[in-house]
Amino acid sequence: MDLLVSVALCAVVLVLVLLMLLSQGGEPGKGRTLPPGPTPLPLLGNVLSLDRSNIIQSFMQVRGLLISNGPRWQQLRRFTLTCLRDFGMGRKRMEEWIVQESRHLVTALSDTHCTIFDPATLLRSSVSNVVCALVFGQRFNKQDTCFLRLLGLFGTILRTVSGPWGQLYNVFPGVMRWLPGPHNHALQAGQEIKCFVREQIQQHRDTLIPHAPRDFIDCYLLKMDQEKDNPSTEFHYENLECTVLNLFLAGTETTSTTLTFAFMLLAKYPHIQERVQCEIDSVVGGDRAPVMEDRRKLPMTEAVLSETQRLLDLVPLSVPHMATQDIAFRGYCIPQGTVIFPMLHSLLKDEQNWVDPHSFNPDHFLDSKGNYRSNPAFLPFSAGKRACVGESLARMELFLFLVSVLQRFTVSALLGPDSLDINREPGSFANLPRPCMLIATPR
């Protein structure tokens, strides 16, 4: 019996290996050969080929990964983008909302009384309240302990997903659910945030006025009612819950993380901070709040924000794209249905496009006359149909929050610029700034 089992196992392994080799088959030049890459193992794929201490560098040597995609994303993205624009995303109404939230941020910084504070916590709550205005139709008090706990859970999830435990969970979800480890904290955090979202959705259901939608959830609920007789509709409760979670989490963490890194960099390089403040003083002054019209007159400020995004390289693998048909590329074939991760990292850190790609240098975005100049390799929000749905909102938030703070405060580190470590914490999904404490001194 033992002999039969051994033979059967060997046969299974042999078949898997043959299938693996055949899947890479085809003769070069006949449109059937996949691009080169490390040989995948049965079941494990290429997971053992990746350097967990520097996952992005590993992906620089791998051509593609396979995950699901399809019409669901297309319908939900189109609806979400239209709905958010209707509620002011990228428009004057949203600008006024951000300016108002900036005032709350300035007040919170004043309340620190020149003592150390955690920029990630303050900025996360400010940015999240802008997202909450769009999605939930309300803002939350910065002293609301429940709200602050939820925001803290965001960081837990993002760091776990970007670490080795998150990688293992993605590969072996059925097994990892039963094993101890930090991934369980992230799963519990996700469930807690889900409960909050479900409560918000139920409150909206109970108070919904069909002819007067207040926010994204209301609009989605009305769309669900319109599509209730369509058995193939994508507008059902599960997708509502997932979409709200995505907007709430991603809309908060991406922008607040970028702002946190921006203030770290300005504290690290006070001479650059001084240049930005001088520019703000000359254009905005100290008697009024900044507005988006000021942006074109503040090239140094704009250059600092762009350079922050470039250096941070927040989501180096971007988000997945799918080949909708067979694609011939340099003698190879990328089959229809293949999910492709565009390596934004390879653009943002390309030595051919940036003089010093691994250093903070706002002059990357300034010409000889000090005017802002764009660079085709600068794609922090990705490109094409998969570009960030909240790009216009994020750009508005980054500018107004940064200028509002620097107009009133100088940020610094308690132990001086040299005490700040601006090296990111590399991960499989996101590059995150290291935790830090800063001081905001009124100007």
Protein backbone atom coordinates (compact mmCIF):
# COMPACT_ATOMS: atom_id res chain seq x y z
CA MET A 1 0.00 0.00 0.00
CA ASP A 2 2.84 2.43 0.89
CA LEU A 3 4.42 1.70 -2.47
CA LEU A 4 1.17 2.50 -4.30
CA VAL A 5 0.78 5.78 -2.43
CA SER A 6 4.36 6.77 -3.24
CA VAL A 7 3.87 5.95 -6.92
CA ALA A 8 0.61 7.90 -7.00
CA LEU A 9 2.25 10.95 -5.42
CA CYS A 10 5.14 10.82 -7.87
CA ALA A 11 2.68 10.58 -10.74
CA VAL A 12 0.78 13.64 -9.53
CA VAL A 13 3.99 15.64 -9.18
CA LEU A 14 5.13 14.54 -12.65
CA VAL A 15 1.81 15.59 -14.21
CA LEU A 16 1.96 18.97 -12.49
CA VAL A 17 5.49 19.58 -13.70
CA LEU A 18 4.55 18.60 -17.26
CA LEU A 19 1.52 20.90 -17.19
CA MET A 20 3.72 23.69 -15.87
CA LEU A 21 6.20 23.23 -18.70
CA LEU A 22 3.49 22.96 -21.33
CA SER A 23 1.83 26.15 -20.08
CA GLN A 24 5.02 27.96 -21.03
CA GLY A 25 5.12 26.22 -24.40
CA GLY A 26 5.07 27.48 -27.92
CA GLU A 27 7.89 28.39 -30.18
CA PRO A 28 9.50 31.83 -30.04
CA GLY A 29 8.12 34.19 -32.64
CA LYS A 30 4.82 32.28 -33.09
CA GLY A 31 2.93 34.37 -30.54
CA ARG A 32 2.57 31.59 -27.94
CA THR A 33 5.60 32.10 -25.70
CA LEU A 34 5.22 33.89 -22.38
CA PRO A 35 7.74 36.59 -21.44
CA PRO A 36 10.75 35.26 -19.50
CA GLY A 37 10.59 34.82 -15.74
CA PRO A 38 11.48 32.39 -12.95
CA THR A 39 10.03 28.89 -13.32
CA PRO A 40 6.92 28.55 -11.11
CA LEU A 41 6.54 25.61 -8.76
CA PRO A 42 3.32 23.57 -8.68
CA LEU A 43 0.81 25.09 -6.25
CA LEU A 44 3.37 27.55 -4.84
CA GLY A 45 3.95 29.45 -8.07
CA ASN A 46 6.79 31.98 -7.67
CA VAL A 47 6.27 32.78 -4.00
CA LEU A 48 9.64 31.27 -3.05
CA SER A 49 11.39 33.35 -5.71
CA LEU A 50 10.53 36.59 -3.95
CA ASP A 51 12.86 38.32 -1.51
CA ARG A 52 10.57 39.11 1.43
CA SER A 53 12.96 41.80 2.68
CA ASN A 54 12.75 43.63 -0.67
CA ILE A 55 9.66 42.42 -2.45
CA ILE A 56 9.64 45.26 -4.99
CA GLN A 57 13.11 44.42 -6.24
CA SER A 58 11.95 40.84 -6.67
CA PHE A 59 8.97 41.93 -8.74
CA MET A 60 11.31 43.96 -10.94
CA GLN A 61 12.46 40.53 -12.23
CA VAL A 62 8.98 38.92 -12.64
CA ARG A 63 6.68 39.75 -15.64
CA GLY A 64 3.18 38.99 -14.47
CA LEU A 65 0.76 37.59 -11.85
CA LEU A 66 -2.77 36.16 -12.21
CA ILE A 67 -5.78 37.37 -10.26
CA SER A 68 -9.45 37.94 -11.09
CA ASN A 69 -10.88 40.88 -12.99
CA GLY A 70 -13.89 41.65 -15.18
CA PRO A 71 -17.13 43.55 -15.86
CA ARG A 72 -17.87 43.97 -12.14
CA TRP A 73 -14.96 46.37 -11.77
CA GLN A 74 -16.00 48.29 -14.90
CA GLN A 75 -19.59 48.85 -13.72
CA LEU A 76 -18.69 49.74 -10.16
CA ARG A 77 -15.89 52.09 -11.16
CA ARG A 78 -18.08 53.95 -13.66
CA PHE A 79 -20.88 54.34 -11.10
CA THR A 80 -18.53 55.35 -8.28
CA LEU A 81 -16.72 57.97 -10.35
CA THR A 82 -19.97 59.52 -11.57
CA CYS A 83 -21.47 59.52 -8.10
CA LEU A 84 -18.43 61.09 -6.41
CA ARG A 85 -18.26 63.79 -9.06
CA ASP A 86 -21.94 64.56 -8.50
CA PHE A 87 -21.12 65.16 -4.84
CA GLY A 88 -18.34 67.56 -5.67
CA MET A 89 -15.15 65.53 -6.07
CA GLY A 90 -12.65 67.74 -7.87
CA ARG A 91 -15.01 70.73 -7.82
CA LYS A 92 -15.50 73.93 -5.82
CA ARG A 93 -17.89 72.29 -3.38
CA MET A 94 -15.27 69.76 -2.35
CA GLU A 95 -12.58 72.45 -2.19
CA GLU A 96 -14.67 74.31 0.39
CA TRP A 97 -15.09 71.09 2.36
CA ILE A 98 -11.32 70.52 2.43
CA VAL A 99 -10.63 74.14 3.42
CA GLN A 100 -13.04 73.73 6.30
CA GLU A 101 -11.33 70.50 7.37
CA SER A 102 -7.96 72.26 7.10
CA ARG A 103 -9.14 74.75 9.72
CA HIS A 104 -9.88 71.86 12.08
CA LEU A 105 -6.38 70.51 11.43
CA VAL A 106 -4.79 73.91 12.16
CA THR A 107 -6.76 74.08 15.42
CA ALA A 108 -5.62 70.59 16.40
CA LEU A 109 -1.99 71.54 15.73
CA SER A 110 -2.40 74.69 17.83
CA ASP A 111 -3.68 72.53 20.66
CA THR A 112 -0.38 70.59 20.72
CA HIS A 113 1.27 73.74 22.18
CA CYS A 114 4.63 72.98 20.56
CA THR A 115 4.84 69.51 22.06
CA ILE A 116 5.51 66.40 20.01
CA PHE A 117 2.61 64.88 18.08
CA ASP A 118 2.05 61.94 15.76
CA PRO A 119 1.47 63.41 12.28
CA ALA A 120 0.01 60.16 10.96
CA THR A 121 -2.84 60.24 13.50
CA LEU A 122 -3.81 63.88 12.96
CA LEU A 123 -3.55 63.75 9.19
CA ARG A 124 -5.41 60.45 8.96
CA SER A 125 -8.42 61.89 10.78
CA SER A 126 -8.43 65.07 8.67
CA VAL A 127 -8.20 63.24 5.36
CA SER A 128 -10.69 60.60 6.44
CA ASN A 129 -13.27 63.24 7.29
CA VAL A 130 -13.16 64.46 3.70
CA VAL A 131 -13.83 60.91 2.50
CA CYS A 132 -16.55 60.51 5.13
CA ALA A 133 -18.27 63.62 3.77
CA LEU A 134 -18.52 61.97 0.35
CA VAL A 135 -19.34 58.44 1.47
CA PHE A 136 -21.24 58.85 4.76
CA GLY A 137 -22.45 62.44 4.43
CA GLN A 138 -20.87 63.55 7.71
CA ARG A 139 -17.61 64.28 9.50
CA PHE A 140 -16.47 62.84 12.83
CA ASN A 141 -14.97 64.68 15.77
CA LYS A 142 -11.23 64.25 16.18
CA GLN A 143 -11.87 63.33 19.82
CA ASP A 144 -14.33 60.59 18.90
CA THR A 145 -12.65 57.52 20.42
CA CYS A 146 -14.54 55.07 18.17
CA PHE A 147 -13.53 56.98 15.04
CA LEU A 148 -9.91 57.25 16.17
CA ARG A 149 -9.79 53.52 16.87
CA LEU A 150 -11.05 52.75 13.37
CA LEU A 151 -8.38 54.98 11.86
CA GLY A 152 -5.71 53.23 13.91
CA LEU A 153 -6.92 49.91 12.51
CA PHE A 154 -6.29 51.22 8.99
CA GLY A 155 -2.57 51.38 9.70
CA THR A 156 -2.61 47.88 11.17
CA ILE A 157 -4.23 46.46 8.05
CA LEU A 158 -1.96 48.24 5.58
CA ARG A 159 1.25 47.26 7.36
CA THR A 160 0.16 43.63 7.68
CA VAL A 161 -0.97 43.37 4.05
CA SER A 162 2.37 44.80 2.93
CA GLY A 163 4.42 42.43 5.08
CA PRO A 164 5.37 38.74 4.72
CA TRP A 165 2.36 37.53 6.71
CA GLY A 166 0.05 39.32 4.31
CA GLN A 167 1.86 37.70 1.39
CA LEU A 168 1.41 34.24 2.89
CA TYR A 169 -2.27 34.89 3.56
CA ASN A 170 -2.83 35.91 -0.06
CA VAL A 171 -1.23 32.66 -1.25
CA PHE A 172 -2.74 30.28 1.35
CA PRO A 173 -5.88 31.97 2.78
CA GLY A 174 -7.55 28.70 3.74
CA VAL A 175 -4.55 27.55 5.76
CA MET A 176 -3.51 30.89 7.25
CA ARG A 177 -6.94 31.45 8.80
CA TRP A 178 -6.15 28.66 11.23
CA LEU A 179 -2.57 29.62 12.03
CA PRO A 180 -1.46 32.14 14.69
CA GLY A 181 0.34 35.30 13.60
CA PRO A 182 -0.05 39.05 13.07
CA HIS A 183 -2.31 38.46 10.08
CA ASN A 184 -5.06 37.56 12.54
CA HIS A 185 -4.91 41.06 14.02
CA ALA A 186 -5.44 42.48 10.55
CA LEU A 187 -8.39 40.13 9.97
CA GLN A 188 -9.95 41.21 13.26
CA ALA A 189 -9.34 44.85 12.37
CA GLY A 190 -11.05 44.31 9.03
CA GLN A 191 -14.08 42.78 10.73
CA GLU A 192 -14.35 45.72 13.12
CA ILE A 193 -14.27 48.20 10.24
CA LYS A 194 -16.85 46.10 8.40
CA CYS A 195 -19.17 46.34 11.40
CA PHE A 196 -18.87 50.13 11.33
CA VAL A 197 -19.63 50.22 7.61
CA ARG A 198 -22.64 47.93 8.06
CA GLU A 199 -24.01 50.21 10.78
CA GLN A 200 -23.62 53.21 8.50
CA ILE A 201 -25.38 51.44 5.63
CA GLN A 202 -28.25 50.41 7.90
CA GLN A 203 -28.64 53.98 9.18
CA HIS A 204 -28.81 55.16 5.59
CA ARG A 205 -31.43 52.54 4.76
CA ASP A 206 -33.56 53.65 7.69
CA THR A 207 -33.40 57.35 6.77
CA LEU A 208 -33.23 57.17 2.97
CA ILE A 209 -35.18 59.84 1.06
CA PRO A 210 -35.43 58.62 -2.56
CA HIS A 211 -35.54 62.06 -4.19
CA ALA A 212 -32.77 63.56 -2.06
CA PRO A 213 -29.63 61.35 -1.87
CA ARG A 214 -27.13 62.70 0.64
CA ASP A 215 -23.97 60.80 -0.27
CA PHE A 216 -22.48 57.79 -2.04
CA ILE A 217 -24.30 55.21 0.10
CA ASP A 218 -27.68 56.77 -0.63
CA CYS A 219 -26.95 56.78 -4.36
CA TYR A 220 -25.91 53.13 -4.29
CA LEU A 221 -29.02 52.11 -2.33
CA LEU A 222 -31.20 53.84 -4.92
CA LYS A 223 -29.27 52.07 -7.70
CA MET A 224 -29.83 48.75 -5.92
CA ASP A 225 -33.56 49.41 -5.88
CA GLN A 226 -33.56 50.25 -9.60
CA GLU A 227 -31.71 47.00 -10.39
CA LYS A 228 -33.61 44.71 -7.99
CA ASP A 229 -35.31 42.82 -10.83
CA ASN A 230 -32.04 42.27 -12.72
CA PRO A 231 -30.68 38.84 -11.68
CA SER A 232 -27.21 39.59 -13.10
CA THR A 233 -26.83 43.03 -11.51
CA GLU A 234 -23.56 43.95 -9.81
CA PHE A 235 -25.39 46.45 -7.60
CA HIS A 236 -26.14 44.32 -4.57
CA TYR A 237 -25.35 44.60 -0.87
CA GLU A 238 -22.06 42.71 -0.90
CA ASN A 239 -20.60 45.01 -3.54
CA LEU A 240 -21.90 48.06 -1.67
CA GLU A 241 -20.11 46.94 1.46
CA CYS A 242 -16.86 46.22 -0.39
CA THR A 243 -16.94 49.49 -2.34
CA VAL A 244 -17.55 51.57 0.78
CA LEU A 245 -14.72 49.75 2.55
CA ASN A 246 -12.39 50.45 -0.38
CA LEU A 247 -13.29 54.14 -0.51
CA PHE A 248 -13.06 54.54 3.26
CA LEU A 249 -9.74 52.73 3.67
CA ALA A 250 -7.90 53.62 0.46
CA GLY A 251 -9.21 57.18 0.38
CA THR A 252 -7.89 57.75 3.88
CA GLU A 253 -4.57 55.93 3.94
CA THR A 254 -3.05 56.91 0.60
CA THR A 255 -3.40 60.67 1.01
CA SER A 256 -2.67 60.83 4.75
CA THR A 257 0.44 58.65 4.29
CA THR A 258 1.71 60.94 1.53
CA LEU A 259 1.13 64.04 3.69
CA THR A 260 2.85 62.42 6.64
CA PHE A 261 5.90 61.72 4.49
CA ALA A 262 5.82 65.28 3.12
CA PHE A 263 6.03 66.80 6.60
CA MET A 264 8.78 64.34 7.55
CA LEU A 265 10.79 65.46 4.53
CA LEU A 266 10.26 69.15 5.28
CA ALA A 267 11.39 68.61 8.87
CA LYS A 268 14.40 66.69 7.53
CA TYR A 269 15.27 69.48 5.09
CA PRO A 270 14.36 72.79 6.82
CA HIS A 271 15.94 74.89 4.03
CA ILE A 272 13.41 73.43 1.58
CA GLN A 273 10.60 74.07 4.05
CA GLU A 274 11.71 77.70 4.29
CA ARG A 275 11.63 78.07 0.49
CA VAL A 276 8.06 76.74 0.41
CA GLN A 277 6.94 79.02 3.23
CA CYS A 278 8.46 82.08 1.58
CA GLU A 279 6.55 81.23 -1.60
CA ILE A 280 3.30 80.76 0.34
CA ASP A 281 3.82 84.07 2.17
CA SER A 282 4.31 85.95 -1.08
CA VAL A 283 1.26 84.46 -2.84
CA VAL A 284 -1.28 83.56 -0.15
CA GLY A 285 -0.15 85.67 2.78
CA GLY A 286 -1.43 85.05 6.28
CA ASP A 287 -4.91 86.60 6.22
CA ARG A 288 -6.84 84.13 4.07
CA ALA A 289 -7.10 80.41 3.47
CA PRO A 290 -5.36 78.95 0.41
CA VAL A 291 -7.49 77.99 -2.58
CA MET A 292 -6.79 75.81 -5.60
CA GLU A 293 -6.33 78.88 -7.82
CA ASP A 294 -3.12 79.56 -5.87
CA ARG A 295 -1.61 76.31 -7.08
CA ARG A 296 -0.30 77.59 -10.43
CA LYS A 297 1.44 80.46 -8.60
CA LEU A 298 3.23 78.12 -6.17
CA PRO A 299 5.65 76.08 -8.32
CA MET A 300 8.01 75.24 -5.45
CA THR A 301 5.14 73.97 -3.32
CA GLU A 302 3.85 71.90 -6.22
CA ALA A 303 7.36 70.54 -6.86
CA VAL A 304 7.70 69.46 -3.22
CA LEU A 305 4.39 67.59 -3.36
CA SER A 306 5.32 65.85 -6.62
CA GLU A 307 8.78 64.95 -5.36
CA THR A 308 7.24 63.58 -2.16
CA GLN A 309 4.98 61.28 -4.17
CA ARG A 310 7.84 60.24 -6.43
CA LEU A 311 10.23 59.42 -3.61
CA LEU A 312 7.60 57.72 -1.45
CA ASP A 313 6.58 55.43 -4.31
CA LEU A 314 3.54 54.53 -2.20
CA VAL A 315 2.06 51.71 -4.29
CA PRO A 316 5.02 50.53 -6.41
CA LEU A 317 3.10 47.74 -8.14
CA SER A 318 0.12 50.02 -8.84
CA VAL A 319 -3.15 48.10 -9.23
CA PRO A 320 -3.73 45.16 -11.57
CA HIS A 321 -4.62 45.58 -15.23
CA MET A 322 -5.96 42.77 -17.41
CA ALA A 323 -5.14 41.86 -21.00
CA THR A 324 -8.53 41.89 -22.77
CA GLN A 325 -7.04 40.05 -25.75
CA ASP A 326 -3.84 38.23 -26.73
CA ILE A 327 -1.03 40.77 -26.93
CA ALA A 328 2.17 40.36 -28.97
CA PHE A 329 5.05 42.05 -27.16
CA ARG A 330 8.70 41.87 -28.30
CA GLY A 331 8.30 38.39 -29.73
CA TYR A 332 6.33 37.07 -26.77
CA CYS A 333 2.62 36.55 -26.22
CA ILE A 334 0.67 37.80 -23.21
CA PRO A 335 -2.51 35.71 -23.27
CA GLN A 336 -5.97 37.17 -22.88
CA GLY A 337 -7.00 37.22 -19.22
CA THR A 338 -3.47 37.71 -17.90
CA VAL A 339 -3.36 40.21 -15.05
CA ILE A 340 -0.47 42.64 -15.39
CA PHE A 341 0.97 44.79 -12.64
CA PRO A 342 2.48 48.00 -14.08
CA MET A 343 5.70 48.69 -12.21
CA LEU A 344 5.29 52.35 -11.26
CA HIS A 345 8.46 51.92 -9.21
CA SER A 346 10.48 51.44 -12.41
CA LEU A 347 9.28 54.86 -13.65
CA LEU A 348 9.51 56.81 -10.40
CA LYS A 349 13.07 55.62 -9.72
CA ASP A 350 14.39 55.50 -13.30
CA GLU A 351 17.89 57.00 -13.51
CA GLN A 352 17.25 58.05 -17.11
CA ASN A 353 14.35 60.29 -16.05
CA TRP A 354 15.60 61.64 -12.71
CA VAL A 355 18.98 63.17 -11.91
CA ASP A 356 19.10 61.65 -8.43
CA PRO A 357 16.19 59.20 -8.20
CA HIS A 358 16.84 58.02 -4.63
CA SER A 359 17.15 61.45 -2.99
CA PHE A 360 14.63 64.16 -2.12
CA ASN A 361 15.18 66.84 -4.76
CA PRO A 362 12.23 69.13 -5.68
CA ASP A 363 14.37 70.52 -8.52
CA HIS A 364 13.36 67.38 -10.42
CA PHE A 365 10.13 69.29 -11.10
CA LEU A 366 11.50 72.80 -11.63
CA ASP A 367 13.05 74.31 -14.75
CA SER A 368 15.96 76.77 -14.84
CA LYS A 369 13.56 79.68 -14.22
CA GLY A 370 11.91 78.08 -11.21
CA ASN A 371 8.71 77.15 -13.04
CA TYR A 372 7.01 73.82 -12.42
CA ARG A 373 7.70 71.25 -15.11
CA SER A 374 6.00 67.91 -15.56
CA ASN A 375 7.74 64.64 -16.34
CA PRO A 376 6.15 61.80 -18.36
CA ALA A 377 7.70 59.30 -15.92
CA PHE A 378 5.72 60.80 -13.03
CA LEU A 379 2.64 58.57 -12.69
CA PRO A 380 1.92 58.28 -8.95
CA PHE A 381 -1.79 57.61 -9.57
CA SER A 382 -1.12 55.02 -12.28
CA ALA A 383 -2.51 55.46 -15.80
CA GLY A 384 -5.23 54.29 -18.14
CA LYS A 385 -8.62 52.96 -17.08
CA ARG A 386 -7.20 51.69 -13.81
CA ALA A 387 -5.90 55.10 -12.70
CA CYS A 388 -6.89 56.09 -9.17
CA VAL A 389 -10.60 56.95 -9.06
CA GLY A 390 -9.94 59.62 -6.43
CA GLU A 391 -6.97 61.31 -8.13
CA SER A 392 -8.58 64.76 -8.39
CA LEU A 393 -9.67 64.63 -4.75
CA ALA A 394 -6.23 63.50 -3.59
CA ARG A 395 -4.44 66.28 -5.49
CA MET A 396 -6.76 68.84 -3.94
CA GLU A 397 -6.26 67.46 -0.42
CA LEU A 398 -2.47 67.27 -0.71
CA PHE A 399 -2.20 70.88 -1.82
CA LEU A 400 -4.71 72.51 0.54
CA PHE A 401 -3.67 70.59 3.67
CA LEU A 402 0.05 71.16 3.09
CA VAL A 403 -0.28 74.89 2.36
CA SER A 404 -2.72 75.44 5.26
CA VAL A 405 -0.25 73.92 7.73
CA LEU A 406 2.91 75.58 6.41
CA GLN A 407 1.11 78.92 6.29
CA ARG A 408 0.71 78.77 10.08
CA PHE A 409 3.43 76.44 11.38
CA THR A 410 6.99 75.28 10.97
CA VAL A 411 7.38 71.53 11.46
CA SER A 412 10.50 70.06 13.03
CA ALA A 413 11.86 67.05 14.87
CA LEU A 414 12.56 67.19 18.61
CA LEU A 415 16.14 65.91 18.21
CA GLY A 416 16.85 67.75 14.98
CA PRO A 417 16.73 66.84 11.27
CA ASP A 418 19.35 64.10 11.54
CA SER A 419 17.13 62.12 13.91
CA LEU A 420 14.53 61.51 11.18
CA ASP A 421 14.83 58.30 9.17
CA ILE A 422 13.11 58.90 5.84
CA ASN A 423 13.79 55.41 4.49
CA ARG A 424 10.49 53.72 3.78
CA GLU A 425 9.36 50.40 5.21
CA PRO A 426 9.33 48.24 2.05
CA GLY A 427 6.39 45.93 1.56
CA SER A 428 4.64 43.87 -1.08
CA PHE A 429 1.83 46.37 -1.53
CA ALA A 430 2.84 49.72 -0.08
CA ASN A 431 5.98 51.61 0.92
CA LEU A 432 5.16 53.26 4.24
CA PRO A 433 7.01 56.01 6.13
CA ARG A 434 8.57 54.96 9.39
CA PRO A 435 6.69 56.15 12.52
CA CYS A 436 7.87 59.54 13.75
CA MET A 437 6.95 62.38 16.10
CA LEU A 438 7.09 66.01 15.02
CA ILE A 439 6.65 69.48 16.53
CA ALA A 440 4.49 72.25 15.02
CA THR A 441 5.76 75.70 16.01
CA PRO A 442 3.47 78.67 15.22
CA ARG A 443 5.03 81.14 12.82
